[in-house]
Amino acid sequence: MHILWGILIILVGLFITISATVKSNFIIYRLLVYRSKILWGEQVHRFHQIAGTIVIIVGVLVALGYI
């Protein structure tokens, strides 16, 4: 079961990281950007790149059973 949850977490992290890199107009990502822009301003895409990378690392750890 850890592998399944780990893969799902990795996919979410990939979505956030890739969307931030290409500055996607996908509706879910735009909602995240509008919400985060209040605090992060113009650095919102950089924040999502870093947060997405951290989520990917956590997903790998979950898939390997360390968390």
N, C-alpha and C. Protein backbone atom coordinates (compact mmCIF):
# COMPACT_ATOMS: atom_id res chain seq x y z
N MET A 1 0.82 -1.20 0.00
CA MET A 1 0.00 0.00 0.00
C MET A 1 0.87 1.26 0.00
N HIS A 2 2.07 1.15 0.59
CA HIS A 2 2.96 2.31 0.61
C HIS A 2 3.35 2.72 -0.80
N ILE A 3 3.52 1.73 -1.66
CA ILE A 3 3.94 2.04 -3.03
C ILE A 3 2.85 2.82 -3.75
N LEU A 4 1.60 2.43 -3.59
CA LEU A 4 0.50 3.12 -4.24
C LEU A 4 0.41 4.58 -3.79
N TRP A 5 0.43 4.81 -2.47
CA TRP A 5 0.36 6.18 -1.95
C TRP A 5 1.57 6.98 -2.37
N GLY A 6 2.74 6.35 -2.36
CA GLY A 6 3.95 7.04 -2.78
C GLY A 6 3.87 7.50 -4.23
N ILE A 7 3.37 6.64 -5.10
CA ILE A 7 3.22 7.00 -6.51
C ILE A 7 2.23 8.14 -6.68
N LEU A 8 1.12 8.10 -5.94
CA LEU A 8 0.13 9.17 -6.04
C LEU A 8 0.72 10.51 -5.57
N ILE A 9 1.50 10.48 -4.50
CA ILE A 9 2.13 11.70 -4.00
C ILE A 9 3.15 12.22 -5.00
N ILE A 10 3.91 11.32 -5.61
CA ILE A 10 4.89 11.72 -6.63
C ILE A 10 4.18 12.37 -7.81
N LEU A 11 3.05 11.81 -8.24
CA LEU A 11 2.31 12.38 -9.37
C LEU A 11 1.81 13.79 -9.06
N VAL A 12 1.35 14.01 -7.84
CA VAL A 12 0.90 15.34 -7.44
C VAL A 12 2.08 16.31 -7.46
N GLY A 13 3.22 15.88 -6.94
CA GLY A 13 4.41 16.72 -6.96
C GLY A 13 4.87 17.03 -8.37
N LEU A 14 4.81 16.05 -9.26
CA LEU A 14 5.16 16.29 -10.67
C LEU A 14 4.21 17.29 -11.31
N PHE A 15 2.93 17.14 -11.02
CA PHE A 15 1.95 18.09 -11.56
C PHE A 15 2.27 19.51 -11.14
N ILE A 16 2.54 19.71 -9.86
CA ILE A 16 2.82 21.05 -9.36
C ILE A 16 4.11 21.59 -9.96
N THR A 17 5.16 20.77 -9.99
CA THR A 17 6.46 21.21 -10.49
C THR A 17 6.39 21.55 -11.98
N ILE A 18 5.79 20.67 -12.77
CA ILE A 18 5.71 20.91 -14.21
C ILE A 18 4.81 22.10 -14.52
N SER A 19 3.69 22.20 -13.84
CA SER A 19 2.80 23.34 -14.06
C SER A 19 3.48 24.66 -13.71
N ALA A 20 4.27 24.67 -12.65
CA ALA A 20 4.97 25.89 -12.26
C ALA A 20 6.06 26.24 -13.26
N THR A 21 6.73 25.24 -13.80
CA THR A 21 7.81 25.48 -14.75
C THR A 21 7.28 26.09 -16.04
N VAL A 22 6.16 25.58 -16.56
CA VAL A 22 5.61 26.10 -17.81
C VAL A 22 4.56 27.19 -17.58
N LYS A 23 4.31 27.53 -16.32
CA LYS A 23 3.31 28.53 -15.94
C LYS A 23 1.97 28.23 -16.61
N SER A 24 1.47 27.06 -16.31
CA SER A 24 0.27 26.51 -16.92
C SER A 24 -0.97 27.35 -16.64
N ASN A 25 -1.93 27.25 -17.53
CA ASN A 25 -3.23 27.91 -17.36
C ASN A 25 -4.32 26.92 -16.99
N PHE A 26 -3.92 25.72 -16.59
CA PHE A 26 -4.87 24.70 -16.16
C PHE A 26 -5.61 25.21 -14.92
N ILE A 27 -6.91 24.97 -14.85
CA ILE A 27 -7.76 25.59 -13.85
C ILE A 27 -7.31 25.27 -12.41
N ILE A 28 -6.93 24.03 -12.15
CA ILE A 28 -6.51 23.66 -10.79
C ILE A 28 -5.24 24.41 -10.41
N TYR A 29 -4.29 24.49 -11.34
CA TYR A 29 -3.05 25.20 -11.03
C TYR A 29 -3.30 26.70 -10.87
N ARG A 30 -4.19 27.26 -11.70
CA ARG A 30 -4.50 28.69 -11.55
C ARG A 30 -5.10 29.00 -10.19
N LEU A 31 -5.94 28.10 -9.67
CA LEU A 31 -6.49 28.29 -8.33
C LEU A 31 -5.39 28.29 -7.28
N LEU A 32 -4.43 27.38 -7.42
CA LEU A 32 -3.29 27.36 -6.50
C LEU A 32 -2.48 28.65 -6.59
N VAL A 33 -2.29 29.14 -7.81
CA VAL A 33 -1.50 30.36 -8.01
C VAL A 33 -2.21 31.56 -7.39
N TYR A 34 -3.50 31.69 -7.63
CA TYR A 34 -4.23 32.83 -7.08
C TYR A 34 -4.19 32.83 -5.56
N ARG A 35 -4.28 31.64 -4.97
CA ARG A 35 -4.25 31.53 -3.52
C ARG A 35 -2.86 31.86 -2.96
N SER A 36 -1.83 31.38 -3.63
CA SER A 36 -0.46 31.58 -3.15
C SER A 36 0.10 32.96 -3.47
N LYS A 37 -0.46 33.61 -4.48
CA LYS A 37 0.05 34.91 -4.90
C LYS A 37 -0.11 35.96 -3.80
N ILE A 38 -1.08 35.77 -2.92
CA ILE A 38 -1.31 36.71 -1.82
C ILE A 38 -0.04 36.81 -0.96
N LEU A 39 0.57 35.68 -0.69
CA LEU A 39 1.75 35.65 0.18
C LEU A 39 3.06 35.77 -0.59
N TRP A 40 3.16 35.13 -1.77
CA TRP A 40 4.43 35.03 -2.47
C TRP A 40 4.61 36.04 -3.59
N GLY A 41 3.57 36.72 -3.98
CA GLY A 41 3.68 37.75 -5.02
C GLY A 41 4.12 37.17 -6.35
N GLU A 42 5.11 37.80 -6.97
CA GLU A 42 5.57 37.37 -8.29
C GLU A 42 6.45 36.13 -8.23
N GLN A 43 6.87 35.72 -7.05
CA GLN A 43 7.71 34.54 -6.90
C GLN A 43 6.87 33.27 -6.72
N VAL A 44 5.60 33.32 -7.04
CA VAL A 44 4.69 32.21 -6.78
C VAL A 44 5.07 30.96 -7.56
N HIS A 45 5.54 31.11 -8.80
CA HIS A 45 5.90 29.93 -9.59
C HIS A 45 7.17 29.28 -9.05
N ARG A 46 8.11 30.08 -8.61
CA ARG A 46 9.33 29.54 -7.99
C ARG A 46 8.96 28.77 -6.72
N PHE A 47 8.05 29.32 -5.92
CA PHE A 47 7.59 28.65 -4.70
C PHE A 47 6.97 27.30 -5.04
N HIS A 48 6.13 27.24 -6.08
CA HIS A 48 5.50 25.99 -6.45
C HIS A 48 6.50 24.98 -6.99
N GLN A 49 7.54 25.45 -7.68
CA GLN A 49 8.58 24.54 -8.13
C GLN A 49 9.28 23.88 -6.94
N ILE A 50 9.62 24.68 -5.95
CA ILE A 50 10.29 24.15 -4.76
C ILE A 50 9.36 23.24 -3.97
N ALA A 51 8.12 23.68 -3.77
CA ALA A 51 7.16 22.86 -3.03
C ALA A 51 6.87 21.55 -3.75
N GLY A 52 6.75 21.59 -5.07
CA GLY A 52 6.52 20.36 -5.84
C GLY A 52 7.68 19.40 -5.74
N THR A 53 8.90 19.91 -5.73
CA THR A 53 10.08 19.06 -5.58
C THR A 53 10.09 18.40 -4.20
N ILE A 54 9.73 19.15 -3.18
CA ILE A 54 9.68 18.59 -1.83
C ILE A 54 8.60 17.51 -1.75
N VAL A 55 7.47 17.72 -2.39
CA VAL A 55 6.40 16.72 -2.40
C VAL A 55 6.87 15.45 -3.11
N ILE A 56 7.63 15.58 -4.19
CA ILE A 56 8.17 14.42 -4.90
C ILE A 56 9.10 13.63 -3.99
N ILE A 57 9.97 14.33 -3.27
CA ILE A 57 10.90 13.66 -2.35
C ILE A 57 10.13 12.91 -1.27
N VAL A 58 9.11 13.53 -0.71
CA VAL A 58 8.29 12.86 0.31
C VAL A 58 7.59 11.64 -0.29
N GLY A 59 7.10 11.76 -1.53
CA GLY A 59 6.46 10.62 -2.19
C GLY A 59 7.42 9.45 -2.39
N VAL A 60 8.66 9.73 -2.74
CA VAL A 60 9.65 8.68 -2.89
C VAL A 60 9.90 8.00 -1.54
N LEU A 61 10.01 8.80 -0.49
CA LEU A 61 10.23 8.22 0.84
C LEU A 61 9.05 7.36 1.28
N VAL A 62 7.84 7.79 0.96
CA VAL A 62 6.65 6.99 1.30
C VAL A 62 6.66 5.69 0.50
N ALA A 63 6.98 5.77 -0.78
CA ALA A 63 6.98 4.58 -1.63
C ALA A 63 8.03 3.57 -1.17
N LEU A 64 9.14 4.05 -0.65
CA LEU A 64 10.19 3.16 -0.16
C LEU A 64 9.93 2.65 1.24
N GLY A 65 8.92 3.20 1.91
CA GLY A 65 8.52 2.75 3.22
C GLY A 65 9.27 3.41 4.38
N TYR A 66 9.96 4.50 4.12
CA TYR A 66 10.68 5.20 5.18
C TYR A 66 9.75 6.09 6.00
N ILE A 67 8.64 6.49 5.42
CA ILE A 67 7.68 7.32 6.14
C ILE A 67 6.37 6.57 6.24
